[in-house]
Amino acid sequence: MEEARLWQERYRVLFDRNVAGIILTSVEGRIIDCNEPCARIFGFDSRKDMLAHSAWDFYFHRAEREILIERLRTRGHCPAEEVCLRVRNGIPVWVLATRTVASFADGVPELLQGTVVDITAQKKAQARLGDIRGGQSSATMPEGESARMADVPQRMRNILRRVSKSLQPDNLSRIDRAEMQECFLALEQMKMLMSELEIIRLLRE
């Protein structure tokens, strides 16, 4: 009983304090749980508002989620990848997403867990950077900006991979203090990286 309580406490800490968006859904599309950052990414004022919707609502085409489910059915997880989804008002949002099967029932995926980071600002910056490169010489660009932008995607993937590993349901009951500290360090690095992206965005406006 005590072990189960500690497992739940660890999960809630990692779930609620995560700066990345985390969502737990059924294969049918029911949103079982999500954290506040996830709700904000998809345009909701609160976690409660998002829970009233279906996971299918955030895809522009139903086939996109059907393909994802089939990939999870055969592989069990999908590595970090850039995905374009739809927020509450229909506007596109780019996220760096890691998806995995949280639990199976009779060998079939039952619950799916997703970890998402909003990279819409980064995608817009990359597009604007491409426009500038096409119309101006590199000498007119802010010094060091191009190098920082080129390094961002891999840094985000590395951090997201570390956080996602810590949040695996099978691993939560075995997490020790060192692993918890590693997880929080990764989250702090993600916050710093997002701040860096915001600075770059402001410099370009």
N, C-alpha and C. Protein backbone atom coordinates (compact mmCIF):
# COMPACT_ATOMS: atom_id res chain seq x y z
N MET A 1 0.84 -1.21 0.00
CA MET A 1 0.00 0.00 0.00
C MET A 1 0.87 1.25 0.00
N GLU A 2 1.90 1.25 0.85
CA GLU A 2 2.81 2.39 0.94
C GLU A 2 3.55 2.58 -0.37
N GLU A 3 3.95 1.46 -0.99
CA GLU A 3 4.66 1.54 -2.26
C GLU A 3 3.78 2.14 -3.35
N ALA A 4 2.51 1.77 -3.35
CA ALA A 4 1.56 2.30 -4.34
C ALA A 4 1.37 3.80 -4.14
N ARG A 5 1.32 4.22 -2.86
CA ARG A 5 1.15 5.65 -2.58
C ARG A 5 2.36 6.45 -3.04
N LEU A 6 3.57 5.93 -2.78
CA LEU A 6 4.79 6.60 -3.21
C LEU A 6 4.86 6.67 -4.73
N TRP A 7 4.43 5.60 -5.40
CA TRP A 7 4.42 5.57 -6.87
C TRP A 7 3.53 6.69 -7.40
N GLN A 8 2.35 6.84 -6.80
CA GLN A 8 1.41 7.87 -7.24
C GLN A 8 1.97 9.26 -6.99
N GLU A 9 2.63 9.46 -5.83
CA GLU A 9 3.20 10.76 -5.51
C GLU A 9 4.30 11.13 -6.50
N ARG A 10 5.17 10.17 -6.83
CA ARG A 10 6.24 10.42 -7.79
C ARG A 10 5.67 10.78 -9.16
N TYR A 11 4.64 10.04 -9.53
CA TYR A 11 4.04 10.31 -10.83
C TYR A 11 3.44 11.70 -10.88
N ARG A 12 2.72 12.11 -9.82
CA ARG A 12 2.08 13.42 -9.81
C ARG A 12 3.12 14.54 -9.83
N VAL A 13 4.23 14.34 -9.11
CA VAL A 13 5.29 15.36 -9.11
C VAL A 13 5.85 15.53 -10.52
N LEU A 14 6.19 14.42 -11.17
CA LEU A 14 6.75 14.50 -12.51
C LEU A 14 5.72 14.99 -13.51
N PHE A 15 4.48 14.64 -13.30
CA PHE A 15 3.40 15.00 -14.21
C PHE A 15 3.04 16.49 -14.08
N ASP A 16 2.77 16.92 -12.85
CA ASP A 16 2.27 18.28 -12.64
C ASP A 16 3.36 19.35 -12.75
N ARG A 17 4.60 19.02 -12.37
CA ARG A 17 5.66 20.02 -12.37
C ARG A 17 6.47 20.03 -13.67
N ASN A 18 6.08 19.21 -14.60
CA ASN A 18 6.81 19.15 -15.86
C ASN A 18 6.52 20.38 -16.69
N VAL A 19 7.56 21.02 -17.22
CA VAL A 19 7.35 22.19 -18.07
C VAL A 19 6.87 21.78 -19.46
N ALA A 20 7.06 20.52 -19.79
CA ALA A 20 6.54 20.00 -21.06
C ALA A 20 5.09 19.61 -20.86
N GLY A 21 4.33 19.58 -21.95
CA GLY A 21 2.95 19.13 -21.88
C GLY A 21 2.90 17.61 -21.86
N ILE A 22 2.09 17.04 -20.98
CA ILE A 22 1.95 15.59 -20.90
C ILE A 22 0.47 15.25 -20.97
N ILE A 23 0.14 14.25 -21.79
CA ILE A 23 -1.25 13.86 -21.95
C ILE A 23 -1.35 12.34 -21.96
N LEU A 24 -2.37 11.83 -21.30
CA LEU A 24 -2.64 10.39 -21.24
C LEU A 24 -4.02 10.16 -21.84
N THR A 25 -4.09 9.35 -22.89
CA THR A 25 -5.35 9.13 -23.59
C THR A 25 -5.62 7.64 -23.79
N SER A 26 -6.88 7.33 -24.03
CA SER A 26 -7.22 5.97 -24.45
C SER A 26 -7.06 5.88 -25.96
N VAL A 27 -6.99 4.66 -26.48
CA VAL A 27 -6.88 4.49 -27.93
C VAL A 27 -8.10 5.08 -28.61
N GLU A 28 -9.25 5.02 -27.94
CA GLU A 28 -10.49 5.55 -28.52
C GLU A 28 -10.50 7.08 -28.59
N GLY A 29 -9.56 7.72 -27.87
CA GLY A 29 -9.47 9.18 -27.94
C GLY A 29 -9.85 9.91 -26.68
N ARG A 30 -10.34 9.20 -25.66
CA ARG A 30 -10.71 9.88 -24.41
C ARG A 30 -9.45 10.37 -23.70
N ILE A 31 -9.47 11.62 -23.26
CA ILE A 31 -8.33 12.18 -22.53
C ILE A 31 -8.47 11.78 -21.06
N ILE A 32 -7.60 10.89 -20.61
CA ILE A 32 -7.65 10.39 -19.23
C ILE A 32 -7.08 11.43 -18.27
N ASP A 33 -5.99 12.06 -18.68
CA ASP A 33 -5.35 13.06 -17.83
C ASP A 33 -4.42 13.91 -18.68
N CYS A 34 -4.12 15.09 -18.20
CA CYS A 34 -3.14 15.98 -18.84
C CYS A 34 -2.70 16.98 -17.79
N ASN A 35 -1.56 17.63 -18.02
CA ASN A 35 -1.12 18.66 -17.07
C ASN A 35 -1.44 20.05 -17.61
N GLU A 36 -1.25 21.04 -16.79
CA GLU A 36 -1.60 22.41 -17.16
C GLU A 36 -0.81 22.91 -18.38
N PRO A 37 0.52 22.64 -18.46
CA PRO A 37 1.26 23.08 -19.66
C PRO A 37 0.67 22.52 -20.95
N CYS A 38 0.19 21.27 -20.90
CA CYS A 38 -0.41 20.68 -22.09
C CYS A 38 -1.69 21.43 -22.47
N ALA A 39 -2.50 21.73 -21.47
CA ALA A 39 -3.74 22.47 -21.73
C ALA A 39 -3.44 23.83 -22.37
N ARG A 40 -2.41 24.51 -21.89
CA ARG A 40 -2.07 25.82 -22.43
C ARG A 40 -1.57 25.72 -23.87
N ILE A 41 -0.79 24.67 -24.17
CA ILE A 41 -0.28 24.49 -25.52
C ILE A 41 -1.43 24.39 -26.51
N PHE A 42 -2.52 23.73 -26.10
CA PHE A 42 -3.64 23.52 -27.00
C PHE A 42 -4.75 24.56 -26.83
N GLY A 43 -4.42 25.67 -26.17
CA GLY A 43 -5.32 26.82 -26.14
C GLY A 43 -6.40 26.79 -25.10
N PHE A 44 -6.28 25.95 -24.08
CA PHE A 44 -7.29 25.88 -23.03
C PHE A 44 -6.86 26.68 -21.81
N ASP A 45 -7.85 27.19 -21.09
CA ASP A 45 -7.55 27.97 -19.90
C ASP A 45 -7.17 27.09 -18.72
N SER A 46 -7.58 25.84 -18.76
CA SER A 46 -7.28 24.95 -17.64
C SER A 46 -7.26 23.50 -18.09
N ARG A 47 -6.68 22.67 -17.26
CA ARG A 47 -6.64 21.23 -17.51
C ARG A 47 -8.06 20.68 -17.60
N LYS A 48 -8.94 21.16 -16.74
CA LYS A 48 -10.33 20.67 -16.72
C LYS A 48 -11.02 20.88 -18.06
N ASP A 49 -10.77 22.03 -18.69
CA ASP A 49 -11.39 22.32 -19.99
C ASP A 49 -10.93 21.33 -21.05
N MET A 50 -9.64 20.98 -21.01
CA MET A 50 -9.11 20.07 -22.02
C MET A 50 -9.64 18.65 -21.84
N LEU A 51 -9.86 18.25 -20.60
CA LEU A 51 -10.35 16.89 -20.33
C LEU A 51 -11.73 16.65 -20.92
N ALA A 52 -12.45 17.72 -21.21
CA ALA A 52 -13.80 17.58 -21.77
C ALA A 52 -13.77 17.32 -23.28
N HIS A 53 -12.58 17.34 -23.87
CA HIS A 53 -12.45 17.15 -25.31
C HIS A 53 -11.88 15.77 -25.62
N SER A 54 -11.79 15.47 -26.92
CA SER A 54 -11.24 14.20 -27.39
C SER A 54 -9.88 14.44 -28.03
N ALA A 55 -9.01 13.45 -27.95
CA ALA A 55 -7.70 13.55 -28.59
C ALA A 55 -7.83 13.72 -30.09
N TRP A 56 -8.92 13.23 -30.66
CA TRP A 56 -9.11 13.36 -32.11
C TRP A 56 -9.27 14.82 -32.52
N ASP A 57 -9.71 15.69 -31.58
CA ASP A 57 -9.95 17.10 -31.90
C ASP A 57 -8.68 17.84 -32.28
N PHE A 58 -7.51 17.31 -31.92
CA PHE A 58 -6.26 18.04 -32.11
C PHE A 58 -5.51 17.62 -33.38
N TYR A 59 -6.18 16.86 -34.22
CA TYR A 59 -5.60 16.46 -35.51
C TYR A 59 -6.41 17.06 -36.64
N PHE A 60 -5.70 17.54 -37.66
CA PHE A 60 -6.39 18.11 -38.81
C PHE A 60 -7.06 17.01 -39.64
N HIS A 61 -6.48 15.83 -39.62
CA HIS A 61 -7.03 14.70 -40.36
C HIS A 61 -7.04 13.47 -39.46
N ARG A 62 -8.17 12.79 -39.40
CA ARG A 62 -8.32 11.62 -38.53
C ARG A 62 -7.26 10.56 -38.83
N ALA A 63 -6.89 10.45 -40.09
CA ALA A 63 -5.92 9.43 -40.50
C ALA A 63 -4.57 9.62 -39.80
N GLU A 64 -4.23 10.85 -39.42
CA GLU A 64 -2.94 11.11 -38.77
C GLU A 64 -2.85 10.37 -37.45
N ARG A 65 -3.91 10.41 -36.67
CA ARG A 65 -3.88 9.69 -35.37
C ARG A 65 -4.02 8.20 -35.59
N GLU A 66 -4.76 7.79 -36.58
CA GLU A 66 -4.88 6.36 -36.87
C GLU A 66 -3.53 5.77 -37.23
N ILE A 67 -2.73 6.52 -38.00
CA ILE A 67 -1.39 6.06 -38.35
C ILE A 67 -0.51 5.98 -37.11
N LEU A 68 -0.64 6.99 -36.22
CA LEU A 68 0.13 7.00 -34.97
C LEU A 68 -0.20 5.76 -34.13
N ILE A 69 -1.50 5.46 -33.99
CA ILE A 69 -1.92 4.31 -33.19
C ILE A 69 -1.34 3.02 -33.77
N GLU A 70 -1.34 2.90 -35.09
CA GLU A 70 -0.80 1.70 -35.71
C GLU A 70 0.70 1.59 -35.46
N ARG A 71 1.41 2.72 -35.50
CA ARG A 71 2.85 2.71 -35.21
C ARG A 71 3.10 2.27 -33.78
N LEU A 72 2.27 2.77 -32.83
CA LEU A 72 2.43 2.40 -31.43
C LEU A 72 2.06 0.94 -31.21
N ARG A 73 1.12 0.45 -31.98
CA ARG A 73 0.70 -0.94 -31.85
C ARG A 73 1.84 -1.90 -32.21
N THR A 74 2.64 -1.52 -33.20
CA THR A 74 3.71 -2.39 -33.66
C THR A 74 5.05 -2.13 -32.97
N ARG A 75 5.29 -0.87 -32.57
CA ARG A 75 6.59 -0.51 -31.99
C ARG A 75 6.56 -0.28 -30.49
N GLY A 76 5.42 0.14 -29.95
CA GLY A 76 5.32 0.44 -28.53
C GLY A 76 5.65 1.88 -28.18
N HIS A 77 6.40 2.57 -29.06
CA HIS A 77 6.72 3.97 -28.82
C HIS A 77 7.12 4.64 -30.13
N CYS A 78 7.06 5.96 -30.14
CA CYS A 78 7.52 6.75 -31.28
C CYS A 78 8.54 7.75 -30.76
N PRO A 79 9.73 7.82 -31.34
CA PRO A 79 10.76 8.75 -30.86
C PRO A 79 10.34 10.19 -31.09
N ALA A 80 11.09 11.11 -30.50
CA ALA A 80 10.78 12.53 -30.63
C ALA A 80 10.73 12.94 -32.09
N GLU A 81 9.65 13.62 -32.47
CA GLU A 81 9.48 14.10 -33.83
C GLU A 81 8.65 15.38 -33.83
N GLU A 82 8.85 16.20 -34.85
CA GLU A 82 8.09 17.44 -34.98
C GLU A 82 6.75 17.12 -35.63
N VAL A 83 5.67 17.60 -34.99
CA VAL A 83 4.32 17.29 -35.45
C VAL A 83 3.49 18.57 -35.46
N CYS A 84 2.69 18.74 -36.50
CA CYS A 84 1.78 19.89 -36.57
C CYS A 84 0.40 19.43 -36.13
N LEU A 85 -0.11 20.01 -35.05
CA LEU A 85 -1.42 19.67 -34.52
C LEU A 85 -2.33 20.90 -34.54
N ARG A 86 -3.52 20.74 -34.01
CA ARG A 86 -4.50 21.83 -34.05
C ARG A 86 -4.91 22.21 -32.64
N VAL A 87 -4.85 23.51 -32.33
CA VAL A 87 -5.25 23.96 -31.01
C VAL A 87 -6.77 24.14 -30.98
N ARG A 88 -7.26 24.58 -29.84
CA ARG A 88 -8.71 24.66 -29.61
C ARG A 88 -9.44 25.48 -30.68
N ASN A 89 -8.86 26.58 -31.11
CA ASN A 89 -9.54 27.45 -32.08
C ASN A 89 -9.20 27.10 -33.52
N GLY A 90 -8.52 25.96 -33.74
CA GLY A 90 -8.24 25.51 -35.09
C GLY A 90 -6.92 25.96 -35.68
N ILE A 91 -6.18 26.80 -34.94
CA ILE A 91 -4.90 27.30 -35.43
C ILE A 91 -3.84 26.21 -35.29
N PRO A 92 -2.93 26.08 -36.27
CA PRO A 92 -1.88 25.06 -36.17
C PRO A 92 -0.89 25.36 -35.04
N VAL A 93 -0.39 24.32 -34.41
CA VAL A 93 0.67 24.45 -33.42
C VAL A 93 1.70 23.36 -33.70
N TRP A 94 2.96 23.75 -33.73
CA TRP A 94 4.04 22.78 -33.94
C TRP A 94 4.56 22.33 -32.59
N VAL A 95 4.67 21.02 -32.41
CA VAL A 95 5.19 20.49 -31.15
C VAL A 95 6.27 19.46 -31.44
N LEU A 96 7.21 19.36 -30.50
CA LEU A 96 8.16 18.26 -30.52
C LEU A 96 7.55 17.20 -29.61
N ALA A 97 7.16 16.06 -30.18
CA ALA A 97 6.36 15.08 -29.45
C ALA A 97 7.05 13.73 -29.35
N THR A 98 6.89 13.12 -28.17
CA THR A 98 7.28 11.73 -27.96
C THR A 98 6.04 10.99 -27.52
N ARG A 99 5.69 9.91 -28.20
CA ARG A 99 4.49 9.14 -27.85
C ARG A 99 4.87 7.71 -27.51
N THR A 100 4.20 7.14 -26.49
CA THR A 100 4.50 5.78 -26.07
C THR A 100 3.25 5.10 -25.55
N VAL A 101 3.25 3.77 -25.53
CA VAL A 101 2.14 3.01 -24.95
C VAL A 101 2.37 2.92 -23.45
N ALA A 102 1.43 3.49 -22.68
CA ALA A 102 1.56 3.48 -21.22
C ALA A 102 1.12 2.15 -20.62
N SER A 103 0.17 1.48 -21.28
CA SER A 103 -0.27 0.17 -20.78
C SER A 103 -0.92 -0.62 -21.91
N PHE A 104 -0.82 -1.94 -21.79
CA PHE A 104 -1.42 -2.86 -22.75
C PHE A 104 -2.53 -3.65 -22.07
N ALA A 105 -3.50 -4.09 -22.86
CA ALA A 105 -4.54 -4.99 -22.39
C ALA A 105 -4.63 -6.15 -23.37
N ASP A 106 -4.27 -7.35 -22.91
CA ASP A 106 -4.26 -8.53 -23.79
C ASP A 106 -3.37 -8.31 -25.01
N GLY A 107 -2.24 -7.63 -24.79
CA GLY A 107 -1.29 -7.42 -25.88
C GLY A 107 -1.65 -6.28 -26.82
N VAL A 108 -2.74 -5.57 -26.53
CA VAL A 108 -3.19 -4.47 -27.38
C VAL A 108 -3.04 -3.15 -26.61
N PRO A 109 -2.53 -2.07 -27.25
CA PRO A 109 -2.40 -0.78 -26.56
C PRO A 109 -3.71 -0.34 -25.94
N GLU A 110 -3.65 0.07 -24.67
CA GLU A 110 -4.84 0.51 -23.96
C GLU A 110 -4.77 2.00 -23.65
N LEU A 111 -3.63 2.44 -23.08
CA LEU A 111 -3.43 3.85 -22.75
C LEU A 111 -2.19 4.36 -23.47
N LEU A 112 -2.29 5.58 -24.02
CA LEU A 112 -1.18 6.19 -24.75
C LEU A 112 -0.73 7.44 -24.01
N GLN A 113 0.57 7.62 -23.88
CA GLN A 113 1.11 8.81 -23.23
C GLN A 113 1.91 9.63 -24.22
N GLY A 114 1.65 10.93 -24.23
CA GLY A 114 2.37 11.83 -25.10
C GLY A 114 3.05 12.92 -24.30
N THR A 115 4.26 13.27 -24.69
CA THR A 115 4.98 14.40 -24.10
C THR A 115 5.26 15.38 -25.21
N VAL A 116 4.81 16.63 -25.05
CA VAL A 116 4.91 17.60 -26.13
C VAL A 116 5.52 18.92 -25.64
N VAL A 117 6.30 19.52 -26.51
CA VAL A 117 6.89 20.84 -26.25
C VAL A 117 6.52 21.74 -27.42
N ASP A 118 5.98 22.90 -27.13
CA ASP A 118 5.58 23.83 -28.19
C ASP A 118 6.82 24.43 -28.85
N ILE A 119 6.99 24.18 -30.14
CA ILE A 119 8.13 24.73 -30.89
C ILE A 119 7.64 25.63 -32.03
N THR A 120 6.40 26.13 -31.91
CA THR A 120 5.85 26.98 -32.96
C THR A 120 6.71 28.21 -33.19
N ALA A 121 7.18 28.83 -32.10
CA ALA A 121 8.02 30.03 -32.24
C ALA A 121 9.31 29.69 -32.97
N GLN A 122 9.86 28.53 -32.67
CA GLN A 122 11.09 28.10 -33.33
C GLN A 122 10.86 27.89 -34.82
N LYS A 123 9.74 27.25 -35.18
CA LYS A 123 9.44 27.00 -36.59
C LYS A 123 9.26 28.31 -37.35
N LYS A 124 8.60 29.26 -36.72
CA LYS A 124 8.42 30.57 -37.35
C LYS A 124 9.76 31.28 -37.52
N ALA A 125 10.62 31.16 -36.49
CA ALA A 125 11.94 31.79 -36.57
C ALA A 125 12.75 31.17 -37.69
N GLN A 126 12.66 29.84 -37.84
CA GLN A 126 13.39 29.16 -38.91
C GLN A 126 12.91 29.62 -40.27
N ALA A 127 11.58 29.80 -40.39
CA ALA A 127 11.03 30.26 -41.66
C ALA A 127 11.50 31.68 -41.97
N ARG A 128 11.49 32.54 -40.95
CA ARG A 128 11.93 33.92 -41.16
C ARG A 128 13.42 33.96 -41.47
N LEU A 129 14.18 33.08 -40.81
CA LEU A 129 15.61 33.01 -41.06
C LEU A 129 15.87 32.60 -42.50
N GLY A 130 15.05 31.66 -43.00
CA GLY A 130 15.18 31.25 -44.39
C GLY A 130 14.88 32.38 -45.34
N ASP A 131 13.86 33.20 -45.00
CA ASP A 131 13.52 34.35 -45.84
C ASP A 131 14.67 35.35 -45.88
N ILE A 132 15.27 35.57 -44.71
CA ILE A 132 16.37 36.53 -44.63
C ILE A 132 17.57 36.04 -45.43
N ARG A 133 17.85 34.75 -45.29
CA ARG A 133 18.97 34.18 -46.04
C ARG A 133 18.74 34.29 -47.54
N GLY A 134 17.49 34.21 -47.92
CA GLY A 134 17.20 34.30 -49.34
C GLY A 134 17.28 35.71 -49.89
N GLY A 135 17.14 36.72 -48.99
CA GLY A 135 17.10 38.09 -49.49
C GLY A 135 18.23 38.98 -49.02
N GLN A 136 19.01 38.50 -48.04
CA GLN A 136 20.08 39.33 -47.52
C GLN A 136 21.34 38.50 -47.37
N SER A 137 22.47 39.16 -47.23
CA SER A 137 23.73 38.45 -46.98
C SER A 137 23.81 38.09 -45.52
N SER A 138 24.60 37.07 -45.18
CA SER A 138 24.73 36.63 -43.80
C SER A 138 25.35 37.70 -42.91
N ALA A 139 26.02 38.67 -43.52
CA ALA A 139 26.65 39.72 -42.72
C ALA A 139 25.63 40.59 -42.01
N THR A 140 24.36 40.62 -42.52
CA THR A 140 23.34 41.47 -41.91
C THR A 140 22.63 40.78 -40.76
N MET A 141 22.91 39.49 -40.54
CA MET A 141 22.24 38.75 -39.49
C MET A 141 22.93 38.99 -38.16
N PRO A 142 22.16 38.97 -37.04
CA PRO A 142 22.77 39.11 -35.72
C PRO A 142 23.84 38.06 -35.51
N GLU A 143 24.99 38.47 -34.98
CA GLU A 143 26.12 37.56 -34.80
C GLU A 143 25.77 36.40 -33.89
N GLY A 144 26.07 35.20 -34.32
CA GLY A 144 25.85 34.00 -33.52
C GLY A 144 24.45 33.45 -33.56
N GLU A 145 23.49 34.18 -34.12
CA GLU A 145 22.09 33.72 -34.10
C GLU A 145 21.91 32.46 -34.92
N SER A 146 22.49 32.44 -36.09
CA SER A 146 22.33 31.28 -36.97
C SER A 146 22.86 30.01 -36.31
N ALA A 147 24.01 30.11 -35.66
CA ALA A 147 24.59 28.94 -35.00
C ALA A 147 23.71 28.45 -33.86
N ARG A 148 23.14 29.37 -33.09
CA ARG A 148 22.28 28.98 -31.98
C ARG A 148 21.02 28.29 -32.48
N MET A 149 20.45 28.84 -33.55
CA MET A 149 19.22 28.26 -34.09
C MET A 149 19.47 26.86 -34.63
N ALA A 150 20.60 26.64 -35.26
CA ALA A 150 20.90 25.34 -35.85
C ALA A 150 21.04 24.27 -34.77
N ASP A 151 21.44 24.68 -33.58
CA ASP A 151 21.71 23.73 -32.50
C ASP A 151 20.47 23.41 -31.66
N VAL A 152 19.43 24.23 -31.77
CA VAL A 152 18.26 24.09 -30.91
C VAL A 152 17.52 22.76 -31.07
N PRO A 153 17.18 22.32 -32.29
CA PRO A 153 16.39 21.08 -32.42
C PRO A 153 17.00 19.88 -31.71
N GLN A 154 18.32 19.68 -31.88
CA GLN A 154 18.96 18.52 -31.26
C GLN A 154 18.98 18.65 -29.74
N ARG A 155 19.20 19.86 -29.24
CA ARG A 155 19.20 20.06 -27.79
C ARG A 155 17.82 19.74 -27.21
N MET A 156 16.77 20.17 -27.92
CA MET A 156 15.41 19.91 -27.44
C MET A 156 15.11 18.41 -27.47
N ARG A 157 15.55 17.73 -28.51
CA ARG A 157 15.32 16.28 -28.60
C ARG A 157 16.02 15.54 -27.47
N ASN A 158 17.24 15.95 -27.16
CA ASN A 158 18.00 15.29 -26.09
C ASN A 158 17.32 15.47 -24.73
N ILE A 159 16.87 16.69 -24.46
CA ILE A 159 16.21 16.96 -23.18
C ILE A 159 14.89 16.21 -23.10
N LEU A 160 14.10 16.25 -24.18
CA LEU A 160 12.81 15.58 -24.17
C LEU A 160 12.97 14.07 -24.00
N ARG A 161 14.03 13.52 -24.57
CA ARG A 161 14.29 12.08 -24.44
C ARG A 161 14.56 11.72 -22.97
N ARG A 162 15.31 12.57 -22.27
CA ARG A 162 15.62 12.31 -20.87
C ARG A 162 14.36 12.39 -20.01
N VAL A 163 13.51 13.40 -20.26
CA VAL A 163 12.28 13.55 -19.48
C VAL A 163 11.34 12.40 -19.76
N SER A 164 11.18 12.03 -21.02
CA SER A 164 10.27 10.96 -21.39
C SER A 164 10.66 9.64 -20.75
N LYS A 165 11.97 9.37 -20.67
CA LYS A 165 12.44 8.13 -20.05
C LYS A 165 12.05 8.07 -18.59
N SER A 166 12.17 9.19 -17.89
CA SER A 166 11.84 9.22 -16.46
C SER A 166 10.35 9.01 -16.23
N LEU A 167 9.52 9.39 -17.20
CA LEU A 167 8.07 9.31 -17.04
C LEU A 167 7.48 7.98 -17.47
N GLN A 168 8.29 7.05 -17.91
CA GLN A 168 7.78 5.74 -18.29
C GLN A 168 7.13 5.08 -17.06
N PRO A 169 5.86 4.64 -17.19
CA PRO A 169 5.18 4.04 -16.03
C PRO A 169 5.96 2.91 -15.37
N ASP A 170 6.62 2.06 -16.16
CA ASP A 170 7.36 0.93 -15.59
C ASP A 170 8.58 1.38 -14.80
N ASN A 171 9.04 2.60 -15.02
CA ASN A 171 10.25 3.09 -14.37
C ASN A 171 9.95 3.89 -13.11
N LEU A 172 8.72 4.40 -12.99
CA LEU A 172 8.41 5.33 -11.91
C LEU A 172 8.58 4.71 -10.52
N SER A 173 8.21 3.45 -10.36
CA SER A 173 8.30 2.82 -9.04
C SER A 173 9.74 2.60 -8.61
N ARG A 174 10.69 2.73 -9.55
CA ARG A 174 12.10 2.48 -9.22
C ARG A 174 12.94 3.75 -9.22
N ILE A 175 12.32 4.90 -9.43
CA ILE A 175 13.07 6.15 -9.48
C ILE A 175 13.66 6.48 -8.11
N ASP A 176 14.96 6.75 -8.07
CA ASP A 176 15.60 7.15 -6.82
C ASP A 176 15.83 8.65 -6.83
N ARG A 177 16.43 9.15 -5.75
CA ARG A 177 16.64 10.60 -5.62
C ARG A 177 17.51 11.15 -6.75
N ALA A 178 18.55 10.42 -7.13
CA ALA A 178 19.45 10.89 -8.18
C ALA A 178 18.71 11.03 -9.51
N GLU A 179 17.84 10.08 -9.81
CA GLU A 179 17.08 10.14 -11.05
C GLU A 179 16.07 11.28 -11.02
N MET A 180 15.47 11.52 -9.86
CA MET A 180 14.55 12.65 -9.72
C MET A 180 15.29 13.95 -9.97
N GLN A 181 16.48 14.08 -9.41
CA GLN A 181 17.27 15.29 -9.60
C GLN A 181 17.64 15.46 -11.07
N GLU A 182 17.97 14.36 -11.74
CA GLU A 182 18.30 14.40 -13.16
C GLU A 182 17.11 14.87 -13.98
N CYS A 183 15.93 14.40 -13.60
CA CYS A 183 14.72 14.81 -14.30
C CYS A 183 14.46 16.30 -14.15
N PHE A 184 14.56 16.80 -12.92
CA PHE A 184 14.33 18.22 -12.69
C PHE A 184 15.40 19.08 -13.36
N LEU A 185 16.64 18.58 -13.43
CA LEU A 185 17.69 19.29 -14.14
C LEU A 185 17.34 19.41 -15.62
N ALA A 186 16.82 18.33 -16.19
CA ALA A 186 16.42 18.36 -17.60
C ALA A 186 15.30 19.37 -17.82
N LEU A 187 14.38 19.45 -16.89
CA LEU A 187 13.28 20.40 -17.01
C LEU A 187 13.79 21.84 -16.93
N GLU A 188 14.74 22.07 -16.04
CA GLU A 188 15.31 23.41 -15.94
C GLU A 188 16.05 23.79 -17.22
N GLN A 189 16.73 22.82 -17.82
CA GLN A 189 17.42 23.08 -19.08
C GLN A 189 16.43 23.39 -20.18
N MET A 190 15.28 22.71 -20.15
CA MET A 190 14.25 23.01 -21.13
C MET A 190 13.73 24.43 -20.96
N LYS A 191 13.53 24.85 -19.71
CA LYS A 191 13.07 26.22 -19.46
C LYS A 191 14.09 27.23 -19.96
N MET A 192 15.38 26.96 -19.74
CA MET A 192 16.42 27.87 -20.22
C MET A 192 16.44 27.92 -21.74
N LEU A 193 16.23 26.78 -22.37
CA LEU A 193 16.23 26.72 -23.82
C LEU A 193 15.05 27.50 -24.39
N MET A 194 13.89 27.36 -23.78
CA MET A 194 12.72 28.10 -24.24
C MET A 194 12.94 29.60 -24.05
N SER A 195 13.61 29.98 -22.97
CA SER A 195 13.91 31.40 -22.76
C SER A 195 14.86 31.91 -23.84
N GLU A 196 15.82 31.07 -24.22
CA GLU A 196 16.75 31.44 -25.27
C GLU A 196 16.03 31.66 -26.60
N LEU A 197 15.07 30.79 -26.89
CA LEU A 197 14.28 30.93 -28.12
C LEU A 197 13.48 32.23 -28.10
N GLU A 198 12.95 32.57 -26.92
CA GLU A 198 12.17 33.80 -26.81
C GLU A 198 13.06 35.02 -27.05
N ILE A 199 14.29 34.97 -26.52
CA ILE A 199 15.23 36.07 -26.74
C ILE A 199 15.53 36.23 -28.23
N ILE A 200 15.75 35.10 -28.91
CA ILE A 200 16.02 35.14 -30.35
C ILE A 200 14.84 35.73 -31.09
N ARG A 201 13.64 35.34 -30.66
CA ARG A 201 12.44 35.87 -31.32
C ARG A 201 12.33 37.39 -31.15
N LEU A 202 12.61 37.86 -29.94
CA LEU A 202 12.52 39.29 -29.69
C LEU A 202 13.58 40.06 -30.48
N LEU A 203 14.76 39.46 -30.62
CA LEU A 203 15.82 40.12 -31.38
C LEU A 203 15.46 40.26 -32.84
N ARG A 204 14.63 39.36 -33.34
CA ARG A 204 14.31 39.38 -34.75
C ARG A 204 13.11 40.27 -35.07
N GLU A 205 12.36 40.67 -34.04
CA GLU A 205 11.19 41.53 -34.28
C GLU A 205 11.60 43.00 -34.38
